[in-house]
Amino acid sequence: MKLGWLGALPLLALAVHVAVVAALGPTDEVWWSLQVAWQVIGAAGCLAAAFAFRPGDLLWKAWACTGGSLALPTLVRLLNGPARSWDLLPALSDPWVRLGTLVAINAFSVTGAILFLAAFRRTATGLGLTDRRSFRTAAATVIGALVIGIPVLALDLRDALGGGLSSDALAAAVSVTGDMICFSAVGPLALVARGLVGGALQRTWTLLAVYNLGWLFYDLTTTTARVTGHVDGGTLVAEAVLCVACVVVGSAGFAQRVALRDVSRRAAERASTLAA
């Protein structure tokens, strides 16, 4: 599998996404089908990367948690179907149960981001990324997360408190909080990608940075659309962002696995050459 194709996969997915919506219309069935398809690709890529490591390794945990943050919502969507009938599992129709599910999804996502940051700390020293410029870049992403995320979070909390602790508004607030934390990982991930320029893993870390960036803009779009009343237009943009984010992290996972496989193959070839 060529790494170049993996980098182009998100753009191909976006083209398919736009074509399907244009041909079939923005119906609940179309959104449901596309969401399931893109999240399955994302989860599959993450799990493929996780299984490239030994269970218990830091990156095994990071990829597994990130994959879980996509697999769990996919499972929920499959259970309730495009009509959200909840026939298979009526308990999920309770809004507070759905809020708890969202908390679990964000817990997976945040844990994955934190573990990738831990991997950054290990990698940064070896790549010489511990200078002041690197720390300034990392700090800038944290500030960026706060600048973008806090106004959105304030709107969600205002709606939650004003509506008698609405579960939907609280769910949005939980999602924004989790994505702000994940967005903070963009700078460190981009720094690793910079340090790996020309290396086999550069594409993996670049795609991971883009993935974490995408979810904050997803929340920004959905909350802005809800507050301004432009729900239909906001949904079109948000679903396109979701498509790209899911396929980006899937591509990152597959790129990780392919890169490690190639490294192992070259090491085996060198070993056999030396033995001969």
C-alpha atoms as a PDB file:
ATOM      1  CA  MET A   1       0.000   0.000   0.000  1.00  0.00           C
ATOM      2  CA  LYS A   2       1.461   3.320  -1.073  1.00  0.00           C
ATOM      3  CA  LEU A   3       1.634   6.035   1.582  1.00  0.00           C
ATOM      4  CA  GLY A   4       0.845   8.675  -1.040  1.00  0.00           C
ATOM      5  CA  TRP A   5      -2.562   7.107  -1.646  1.00  0.00           C
ATOM      6  CA  LEU A   6      -3.269   7.143   2.070  1.00  0.00           C
ATOM      7  CA  GLY A   7      -2.600  10.871   2.191  1.00  0.00           C
ATOM      8  CA  ALA A   8      -5.055  11.428  -0.670  1.00  0.00           C
ATOM      9  CA  LEU A   9      -7.758   9.194   0.818  1.00  0.00           C
ATOM     10  CA  PRO A  10      -9.449  11.977   2.885  1.00  0.00           C
ATOM     11  CA  LEU A  11      -9.853  14.145  -0.227  1.00  0.00           C
ATOM     12  CA  LEU A  12     -11.294  11.194  -2.138  1.00  0.00           C
ATOM     13  CA  ALA A  13     -13.705  10.508   0.724  1.00  0.00           C
ATOM     14  CA  LEU A  14     -14.789  14.154   0.774  1.00  0.00           C
ATOM     15  CA  ALA A  15     -15.478  14.020  -2.970  1.00  0.00           C
ATOM     16  CA  VAL A  16     -17.589  10.888  -2.493  1.00  0.00           C
ATOM     17  CA  HIS A  17     -19.367  12.519   0.459  1.00  0.00           C
ATOM     18  CA  VAL A  18     -20.292  15.623  -1.537  1.00  0.00           C
ATOM     19  CA  ALA A  19     -21.394  13.535  -4.534  1.00  0.00           C
ATOM     20  CA  VAL A  20     -23.660  11.308  -2.425  1.00  0.00           C
ATOM     21  CA  VAL A  21     -25.298  14.255  -0.648  1.00  0.00           C
ATOM     22  CA  ALA A  22     -25.784  16.073  -3.958  1.00  0.00           C
ATOM     23  CA  ALA A  23     -27.317  13.003  -5.598  1.00  0.00           C
ATOM     24  CA  LEU A  24     -29.531  11.717  -2.770  1.00  0.00           C
ATOM     25  CA  GLY A  25     -30.155  14.847  -0.731  1.00  0.00           C
ATOM     26  CA  PRO A  26     -29.330  15.649   2.923  1.00  0.00           C
ATOM     27  CA  THR A  27     -31.782  13.175   4.469  1.00  0.00           C
ATOM     28  CA  ASP A  28     -31.470  11.407   7.824  1.00  0.00           C
ATOM     29  CA  GLU A  29     -30.788   8.123   6.032  1.00  0.00           C
ATOM     30  CA  VAL A  30     -27.977   9.660   3.988  1.00  0.00           C
ATOM     31  CA  TRP A  31     -26.334  11.286   7.024  1.00  0.00           C
ATOM     32  CA  TRP A  32     -26.608   8.036   8.995  1.00  0.00           C
ATOM     33  CA  SER A  33     -25.055   5.950   6.209  1.00  0.00           C
ATOM     34  CA  LEU A  34     -22.203   8.382   5.620  1.00  0.00           C
ATOM     35  CA  GLN A  35     -21.440   8.780   9.330  1.00  0.00           C
ATOM     36  CA  VAL A  36     -21.254   5.013   9.799  1.00  0.00           C
ATOM     37  CA  ALA A  37     -19.058   4.579   6.718  1.00  0.00           C
ATOM     38  CA  TRP A  38     -16.542   7.274   7.664  1.00  0.00           C
ATOM     39  CA  GLN A  39     -16.352   6.273  11.330  1.00  0.00           C
ATOM     40  CA  VAL A  40     -15.825   2.619  10.396  1.00  0.00           C
ATOM     41  CA  ILE A  41     -12.874   3.669   8.212  1.00  0.00           C
ATOM     42  CA  GLY A  42     -11.475   5.775  11.053  1.00  0.00           C
ATOM     43  CA  ALA A  43     -11.868   3.044  13.662  1.00  0.00           C
ATOM     44  CA  ALA A  44     -10.421   0.393  11.327  1.00  0.00           C
ATOM     45  CA  GLY A  45      -7.321   2.481  10.660  1.00  0.00           C
ATOM     46  CA  CYS A  46      -6.767   3.130  14.370  1.00  0.00           C
ATOM     47  CA  LEU A  47      -7.144  -0.547  15.262  1.00  0.00           C
ATOM     48  CA  ALA A  48      -4.828  -1.543  12.404  1.00  0.00           C
ATOM     49  CA  ALA A  49      -2.194   0.775  13.876  1.00  0.00           C
ATOM     50  CA  ALA A  50      -2.806  -0.501  17.416  1.00  0.00           C
ATOM     51  CA  PHE A  51      -2.281  -4.113  16.373  1.00  0.00           C
ATOM     52  CA  ALA A  52       1.075  -3.150  14.870  1.00  0.00           C
ATOM     53  CA  PHE A  53       2.329  -2.704  18.454  1.00  0.00           C
ATOM     54  CA  ARG A  54       2.493  -5.070  21.381  1.00  0.00           C
ATOM     55  CA  PRO A  55      -0.512  -4.855  23.735  1.00  0.00           C
ATOM     56  CA  GLY A  56       0.332  -2.500  26.563  1.00  0.00           C
ATOM     57  CA  ASP A  57       2.750  -0.348  24.565  1.00  0.00           C
ATOM     58  CA  LEU A  58       2.142   3.389  24.815  1.00  0.00           C
ATOM     59  CA  LEU A  59       1.169   3.773  21.165  1.00  0.00           C
ATOM     60  CA  TRP A  60      -0.953   0.613  21.318  1.00  0.00           C
ATOM     61  CA  LYS A  61      -3.000   2.288  24.053  1.00  0.00           C
ATOM     62  CA  ALA A  62      -3.117   5.615  22.184  1.00  0.00           C
ATOM     63  CA  TRP A  63      -4.362   4.084  18.952  1.00  0.00           C
ATOM     64  CA  ALA A  64      -6.798   1.760  20.740  1.00  0.00           C
ATOM     65  CA  CYS A  65      -8.376   4.642  22.682  1.00  0.00           C
ATOM     66  CA  THR A  66      -8.661   6.776  19.553  1.00  0.00           C
ATOM     67  CA  GLY A  67     -10.239   3.864  17.720  1.00  0.00           C
ATOM     68  CA  GLY A  68     -12.648   3.349  20.614  1.00  0.00           C
ATOM     69  CA  SER A  69     -13.766   6.979  20.363  1.00  0.00           C
ATOM     70  CA  LEU A  70     -14.946   6.191  16.817  1.00  0.00           C
ATOM     71  CA  ALA A  71     -16.126   2.610  17.304  1.00  0.00           C
ATOM     72  CA  LEU A  72     -18.471   3.443  20.201  1.00  0.00           C
ATOM     73  CA  PRO A  73     -20.531   6.103  18.355  1.00  0.00           C
ATOM     74  CA  THR A  74     -20.653   3.794  15.329  1.00  0.00           C
ATOM     75  CA  LEU A  75     -22.111   1.051  17.517  1.00  0.00           C
ATOM     76  CA  VAL A  76     -24.707   3.453  18.918  1.00  0.00           C
ATOM     77  CA  ARG A  77     -25.711   4.549  15.415  1.00  0.00           C
ATOM     78  CA  LEU A  78     -26.068   0.931  14.295  1.00  0.00           C
ATOM     79  CA  LEU A  79     -28.273   0.201  17.309  1.00  0.00           C
ATOM     80  CA  ASN A  80     -30.682   3.082  16.798  1.00  0.00           C
ATOM     81  CA  GLY A  81     -30.675   3.144  12.989  1.00  0.00           C
ATOM     82  CA  PRO A  82     -31.255   6.133  10.708  1.00  0.00           C
ATOM     83  CA  ALA A  83     -34.757   6.667  12.122  1.00  0.00           C
ATOM     84  CA  ARG A  84     -33.428   6.686  15.709  1.00  0.00           C
ATOM     85  CA  SER A  85     -36.102   4.195  16.695  1.00  0.00           C
ATOM     86  CA  TRP A  86     -33.979   2.629  19.467  1.00  0.00           C
ATOM     87  CA  ASP A  87     -35.719  -0.701  18.809  1.00  0.00           C
ATOM     88  CA  LEU A  88     -32.647  -2.807  19.550  1.00  0.00           C
ATOM     89  CA  LEU A  89     -31.741  -1.007  22.775  1.00  0.00           C
ATOM     90  CA  PRO A  90     -34.569   1.207  24.112  1.00  0.00           C
ATOM     91  CA  ALA A  91     -32.488   2.235  27.147  1.00  0.00           C
ATOM     92  CA  LEU A  92     -30.394   4.446  24.875  1.00  0.00           C
ATOM     93  CA  SER A  93     -33.442   6.592  24.162  1.00  0.00           C
ATOM     94  CA  ASP A  94     -33.019   8.221  27.581  1.00  0.00           C
ATOM     95  CA  PRO A  95     -31.274  11.580  26.985  1.00  0.00           C
ATOM     96  CA  TRP A  96     -29.168  11.207  30.126  1.00  0.00           C
ATOM     97  CA  VAL A  97     -27.991   7.771  29.027  1.00  0.00           C
ATOM     98  CA  ARG A  98     -26.979   9.326  25.719  1.00  0.00           C
ATOM     99  CA  LEU A  99     -25.123  12.022  27.658  1.00  0.00           C
ATOM    100  CA  GLY A 100     -23.247   9.324  29.575  1.00  0.00           C
ATOM    101  CA  THR A 101     -22.386   7.618  26.296  1.00  0.00           C
ATOM    102  CA  LEU A 102     -21.009  10.887  24.945  1.00  0.00           C
ATOM    103  CA  VAL A 103     -18.904  11.304  28.084  1.00  0.00           C
ATOM    104  CA  ALA A 104     -17.451   7.826  27.480  1.00  0.00           C
ATOM    105  CA  ILE A 105     -16.720   8.662  23.827  1.00  0.00           C
ATOM    106  CA  ASN A 106     -14.919  11.851  24.820  1.00  0.00           C
ATOM    107  CA  ALA A 107     -13.032   9.992  27.557  1.00  0.00           C
ATOM    108  CA  PHE A 108     -11.655   7.630  24.899  1.00  0.00           C
ATOM    109  CA  SER A 109     -10.746  10.568  22.661  1.00  0.00           C
ATOM    110  CA  VAL A 110      -9.072  12.631  25.389  1.00  0.00           C
ATOM    111  CA  THR A 111      -7.156   9.625  26.727  1.00  0.00           C
ATOM    112  CA  GLY A 112      -5.887   8.901  23.225  1.00  0.00           C
ATOM    113  CA  ALA A 113      -4.751  12.516  22.809  1.00  0.00           C
ATOM    114  CA  ILE A 114      -2.967  12.476  26.176  1.00  0.00           C
ATOM    115  CA  LEU A 115      -1.199   9.225  25.303  1.00  0.00           C
ATOM    116  CA  PHE A 116      -0.069  10.669  21.971  1.00  0.00           C
ATOM    117  CA  LEU A 117       1.254  13.679  23.889  1.00  0.00           C
ATOM    118  CA  ALA A 118       3.180  11.267  26.117  1.00  0.00           C
ATOM    119  CA  ALA A 119       4.611   9.691  22.973  1.00  0.00           C
ATOM    120  CA  PHE A 120       5.543  13.194  21.812  1.00  0.00           C
ATOM    121  CA  ARG A 121       7.554  13.740  25.001  1.00  0.00           C
ATOM    122  CA  ARG A 122       9.537  10.597  24.284  1.00  0.00           C
ATOM    123  CA  THR A 123      10.011  11.401  20.607  1.00  0.00           C
ATOM    124  CA  ALA A 124      10.777  15.109  21.045  1.00  0.00           C
ATOM    125  CA  THR A 125      14.064  14.524  22.838  1.00  0.00           C
ATOM    126  CA  GLY A 126      15.338  12.149  20.183  1.00  0.00           C
ATOM    127  CA  LEU A 127      14.374  14.548  17.395  1.00  0.00           C
ATOM    128  CA  GLY A 128      15.793  17.630  19.095  1.00  0.00           C
ATOM    129  CA  LEU A 129      12.366  19.235  19.523  1.00  0.00           C
ATOM    130  CA  THR A 130      12.859  20.515  23.040  1.00  0.00           C
ATOM    131  CA  ASP A 131      13.968  24.041  22.113  1.00  0.00           C
ATOM    132  CA  ARG A 132      12.067  27.213  23.000  1.00  0.00           C
ATOM    133  CA  ARG A 133      10.498  27.465  19.571  1.00  0.00           C
ATOM    134  CA  SER A 134       8.943  24.042  20.009  1.00  0.00           C
ATOM    135  CA  PHE A 135       7.487  24.944  23.378  1.00  0.00           C
ATOM    136  CA  ARG A 136       6.118  28.201  21.970  1.00  0.00           C
ATOM    137  CA  THR A 137       4.403  26.276  19.191  1.00  0.00           C
ATOM    138  CA  ALA A 138       2.848  23.882  21.679  1.00  0.00           C
ATOM    139  CA  ALA A 139       1.703  26.778  23.872  1.00  0.00           C
ATOM    140  CA  ALA A 140       0.178  28.520  20.857  1.00  0.00           C
ATOM    141  CA  THR A 141      -2.079  25.544  20.147  1.00  0.00           C
ATOM    142  CA  VAL A 142      -3.311  25.517  23.741  1.00  0.00           C
ATOM    143  CA  ILE A 143      -4.125  29.229  23.465  1.00  0.00           C
ATOM    144  CA  GLY A 144      -5.806  28.581  20.116  1.00  0.00           C
ATOM    145  CA  ALA A 145      -7.952  25.853  21.661  1.00  0.00           C
ATOM    146  CA  LEU A 146      -9.056  28.247  24.389  1.00  0.00           C
ATOM    147  CA  VAL A 147      -9.751  31.115  21.974  1.00  0.00           C
ATOM    148  CA  ILE A 148     -11.886  28.944  19.692  1.00  0.00           C
ATOM    149  CA  GLY A 149     -13.366  26.613  22.272  1.00  0.00           C
ATOM    150  CA  ILE A 150     -14.280  28.858  25.213  1.00  0.00           C
ATOM    151  CA  PRO A 151     -16.855  30.996  23.323  1.00  0.00           C
ATOM    152  CA  VAL A 152     -18.474  27.827  21.969  1.00  0.00           C
ATOM    153  CA  LEU A 153     -18.414  26.244  25.421  1.00  0.00           C
ATOM    154  CA  ALA A 154     -19.950  29.384  26.947  1.00  0.00           C
ATOM    155  CA  LEU A 155     -22.833  29.243  24.463  1.00  0.00           C
ATOM    156  CA  ASP A 156     -23.477  25.582  25.244  1.00  0.00           C
ATOM    157  CA  LEU A 157     -23.387  26.149  29.003  1.00  0.00           C
ATOM    158  CA  ARG A 158     -25.686  29.158  28.664  1.00  0.00           C
ATOM    159  CA  ASP A 159     -28.211  27.045  26.789  1.00  0.00           C
ATOM    160  CA  ALA A 160     -27.830  24.205  29.273  1.00  0.00           C
ATOM    161  CA  LEU A 161     -28.435  26.422  32.306  1.00  0.00           C
ATOM    162  CA  GLY A 162     -31.130  28.496  30.633  1.00  0.00           C
ATOM    163  CA  GLY A 163     -33.029  25.413  29.525  1.00  0.00           C
ATOM    164  CA  GLY A 164     -33.112  23.730  32.908  1.00  0.00           C
ATOM    165  CA  LEU A 165     -29.961  21.701  32.381  1.00  0.00           C
ATOM    166  CA  SER A 166     -30.904  20.461  28.913  1.00  0.00           C
ATOM    167  CA  SER A 167     -29.139  17.175  28.213  1.00  0.00           C
ATOM    168  CA  ASP A 168     -28.507  18.161  24.576  1.00  0.00           C
ATOM    169  CA  ALA A 169     -26.760  21.402  25.561  1.00  0.00           C
ATOM    170  CA  LEU A 170     -24.781  19.611  28.267  1.00  0.00           C
ATOM    171  CA  ALA A 171     -23.774  16.986  25.714  1.00  0.00           C
ATOM    172  CA  ALA A 172     -22.523  19.735  23.410  1.00  0.00           C
ATOM    173  CA  ALA A 173     -20.560  21.276  26.303  1.00  0.00           C
ATOM    174  CA  VAL A 174     -18.954  17.917  27.107  1.00  0.00           C
ATOM    175  CA  SER A 175     -18.034  17.457  23.452  1.00  0.00           C
ATOM    176  CA  VAL A 176     -16.470  20.919  23.168  1.00  0.00           C
ATOM    177  CA  THR A 177     -14.460  20.431  26.375  1.00  0.00           C
ATOM    178  CA  GLY A 178     -13.074  17.126  25.136  1.00  0.00           C
ATOM    179  CA  ASP A 179     -12.235  18.536  21.733  1.00  0.00           C
ATOM    180  CA  MET A 180     -10.470  21.555  23.275  1.00  0.00           C
ATOM    181  CA  ILE A 181      -8.165  19.132  25.073  1.00  0.00           C
ATOM    182  CA  CYS A 182      -7.590  17.155  21.875  1.00  0.00           C
ATOM    183  CA  PHE A 183      -6.927  20.349  19.918  1.00  0.00           C
ATOM    184  CA  SER A 184      -4.131  21.151  22.366  1.00  0.00           C
ATOM    185  CA  ALA A 185      -2.288  18.149  20.932  1.00  0.00           C
ATOM    186  CA  VAL A 186      -2.142  19.664  17.439  1.00  0.00           C
ATOM    187  CA  GLY A 187       1.058  21.654  18.052  1.00  0.00           C
ATOM    188  CA  PRO A 188       3.110  18.806  19.532  1.00  0.00           C
ATOM    189  CA  LEU A 189       1.920  16.381  16.843  1.00  0.00           C
ATOM    190  CA  ALA A 190       2.823  18.873  14.111  1.00  0.00           C
ATOM    191  CA  LEU A 191       6.254  19.342  15.702  1.00  0.00           C
ATOM    192  CA  VAL A 192       6.922  15.612  15.520  1.00  0.00           C
ATOM    193  CA  ALA A 193       5.821  15.622  11.875  1.00  0.00           C
ATOM    194  CA  ARG A 194       8.266  18.484  11.233  1.00  0.00           C
ATOM    195  CA  GLY A 195      11.064  16.574  12.906  1.00  0.00           C
ATOM    196  CA  LEU A 196      10.298  13.503  10.792  1.00  0.00           C
ATOM    197  CA  VAL A 197      10.377  15.310   7.427  1.00  0.00           C
ATOM    198  CA  GLY A 198      11.417  12.773   4.826  1.00  0.00           C
ATOM    199  CA  GLY A 199      10.855   9.898   7.244  1.00  0.00           C
ATOM    200  CA  ALA A 200       8.359   7.064   6.992  1.00  0.00           C
ATOM    201  CA  LEU A 201       6.253   8.326   9.902  1.00  0.00           C
ATOM    202  CA  GLN A 202       5.948  11.983   8.855  1.00  0.00           C
ATOM    203  CA  ARG A 203       2.559  11.423   7.203  1.00  0.00           C
ATOM    204  CA  THR A 204       1.191   9.623  10.268  1.00  0.00           C
ATOM    205  CA  TRP A 205       1.928  12.474  12.663  1.00  0.00           C
ATOM    206  CA  THR A 206       0.775  15.139  10.199  1.00  0.00           C
ATOM    207  CA  LEU A 207      -2.575  13.395   9.744  1.00  0.00           C
ATOM    208  CA  LEU A 208      -2.955  13.007  13.508  1.00  0.00           C
ATOM    209  CA  ALA A 209      -2.505  16.760  13.935  1.00  0.00           C
ATOM    210  CA  VAL A 210      -5.147  17.468  11.272  1.00  0.00           C
ATOM    211  CA  TYR A 211      -7.530  14.991  12.916  1.00  0.00           C
ATOM    212  CA  ASN A 212      -7.356  16.687  16.307  1.00  0.00           C
ATOM    213  CA  LEU A 213      -7.837  20.071  14.661  1.00  0.00           C
ATOM    214  CA  GLY A 214     -10.925  18.881  12.807  1.00  0.00           C
ATOM    215  CA  TRP A 215     -13.113  18.020  15.784  1.00  0.00           C
ATOM    216  CA  LEU A 216     -12.912  21.470  17.349  1.00  0.00           C
ATOM    217  CA  PHE A 217     -14.105  22.998  14.087  1.00  0.00           C
ATOM    218  CA  TYR A 218     -16.888  20.411  13.992  1.00  0.00           C
ATOM    219  CA  ASP A 219     -18.114  21.623  17.390  1.00  0.00           C
ATOM    220  CA  LEU A 220     -17.679  25.245  16.353  1.00  0.00           C
ATOM    221  CA  THR A 221     -19.839  24.667  13.268  1.00  0.00           C
ATOM    222  CA  THR A 222     -22.626  22.747  15.001  1.00  0.00           C
ATOM    223  CA  THR A 223     -22.920  25.125  17.954  1.00  0.00           C
ATOM    224  CA  THR A 224     -22.830  28.236  15.761  1.00  0.00           C
ATOM    225  CA  ALA A 225     -25.521  26.761  13.518  1.00  0.00           C
ATOM    226  CA  ARG A 226     -27.691  25.912  16.522  1.00  0.00           C
ATOM    227  CA  VAL A 227     -27.355  29.375  18.059  1.00  0.00           C
ATOM    228  CA  THR A 228     -27.893  31.301  14.808  1.00  0.00           C
ATOM    229  CA  GLY A 229     -30.680  29.056  13.571  1.00  0.00           C
ATOM    230  CA  HIS A 230     -28.861  28.062  10.368  1.00  0.00           C
ATOM    231  CA  VAL A 231     -29.138  24.371  11.180  1.00  0.00           C
ATOM    232  CA  ASP A 232     -29.335  23.048   7.612  1.00  0.00           C
ATOM    233  CA  GLY A 233     -26.266  24.920   6.401  1.00  0.00           C
ATOM    234  CA  GLY A 234     -24.372  24.074   9.575  1.00  0.00           C
ATOM    235  CA  THR A 235     -25.185  20.394   9.154  1.00  0.00           C
ATOM    236  CA  LEU A 236     -23.811  20.367   5.606  1.00  0.00           C
ATOM    237  CA  VAL A 237     -20.501  21.841   6.762  1.00  0.00           C
ATOM    238  CA  ALA A 238     -20.289  19.802   9.978  1.00  0.00           C
ATOM    239  CA  GLU A 239     -20.892  16.493   8.198  1.00  0.00           C
ATOM    240  CA  ALA A 240     -18.176  17.315   5.655  1.00  0.00           C
ATOM    241  CA  VAL A 241     -15.755  18.068   8.520  1.00  0.00           C
ATOM    242  CA  LEU A 242     -16.732  14.787  10.223  1.00  0.00           C
ATOM    243  CA  CYS A 243     -16.052  12.912   6.988  1.00  0.00           C
ATOM    244  CA  VAL A 244     -12.575  14.391   6.597  1.00  0.00           C
ATOM    245  CA  ALA A 245     -11.658  13.983  10.283  1.00  0.00           C
ATOM    246  CA  CYS A 246     -12.643  10.309  10.421  1.00  0.00           C
ATOM    247  CA  VAL A 247     -10.902   9.360   7.184  1.00  0.00           C
ATOM    248  CA  VAL A 248      -7.829  11.415   8.126  1.00  0.00           C
ATOM    249  CA  VAL A 249      -7.294   9.458  11.343  1.00  0.00           C
ATOM    250  CA  GLY A 250      -8.013   6.198   9.523  1.00  0.00           C
ATOM    251  CA  SER A 251      -5.359   7.113   6.960  1.00  0.00           C
ATOM    252  CA  ALA A 252      -2.971   7.993   9.799  1.00  0.00           C
ATOM    253  CA  GLY A 253      -3.502   4.578  11.347  1.00  0.00           C
ATOM    254  CA  PHE A 254      -2.981   2.696   8.101  1.00  0.00           C
ATOM    255  CA  ALA A 255       0.094   4.842   7.373  1.00  0.00           C
ATOM    256  CA  GLN A 256       1.501   3.926  10.797  1.00  0.00           C
ATOM    257  CA  ARG A 257       1.022   0.223  10.134  1.00  0.00           C
ATOM    258  CA  VAL A 258       2.477   0.379   6.618  1.00  0.00           C
ATOM    259  CA  ALA A 259       5.508   2.362   7.816  1.00  0.00           C
ATOM    260  CA  LEU A 260       6.240  -0.104  10.615  1.00  0.00           C
ATOM    261  CA  ARG A 261       5.816  -3.032   8.251  1.00  0.00           C
ATOM    262  CA  ASP A 262       8.280  -1.490   5.790  1.00  0.00           C
ATOM    263  CA  VAL A 263      10.793  -0.809   8.568  1.00  0.00           C
ATOM    264  CA  SER A 264      10.518  -4.414   9.780  1.00  0.00           C
ATOM    265  CA  ARG A 265      10.939  -5.746   6.244  1.00  0.00           C
ATOM    266  CA  ARG A 266      14.055  -3.655   5.617  1.00  0.00           C
ATOM    267  CA  ALA A 267      15.521  -4.748   8.957  1.00  0.00           C
ATOM    268  CA  ALA A 268      14.907  -8.385   8.059  1.00  0.00           C
ATOM    269  CA  GLU A 269      16.532  -7.886   4.651  1.00  0.00           C
ATOM    270  CA  ARG A 270      19.618  -6.314   6.246  1.00  0.00           C
ATOM    271  CA  ALA A 271      19.826  -9.133   8.769  1.00  0.00           C
ATOM    272  CA  SER A 272      19.633 -11.775   6.050  1.00  0.00           C
ATOM    273  CA  THR A 273      22.274  -9.936   4.011  1.00  0.00           C
ATOM    274  CA  LEU A 274      24.654  -9.816   6.976  1.00  0.00           C
ATOM    275  CA  ALA A 275      24.022 -13.477   7.736  1.00  0.00           C
ATOM    276  CA  ALA A 276      24.870 -14.400   4.161  1.00  0.00           C
END
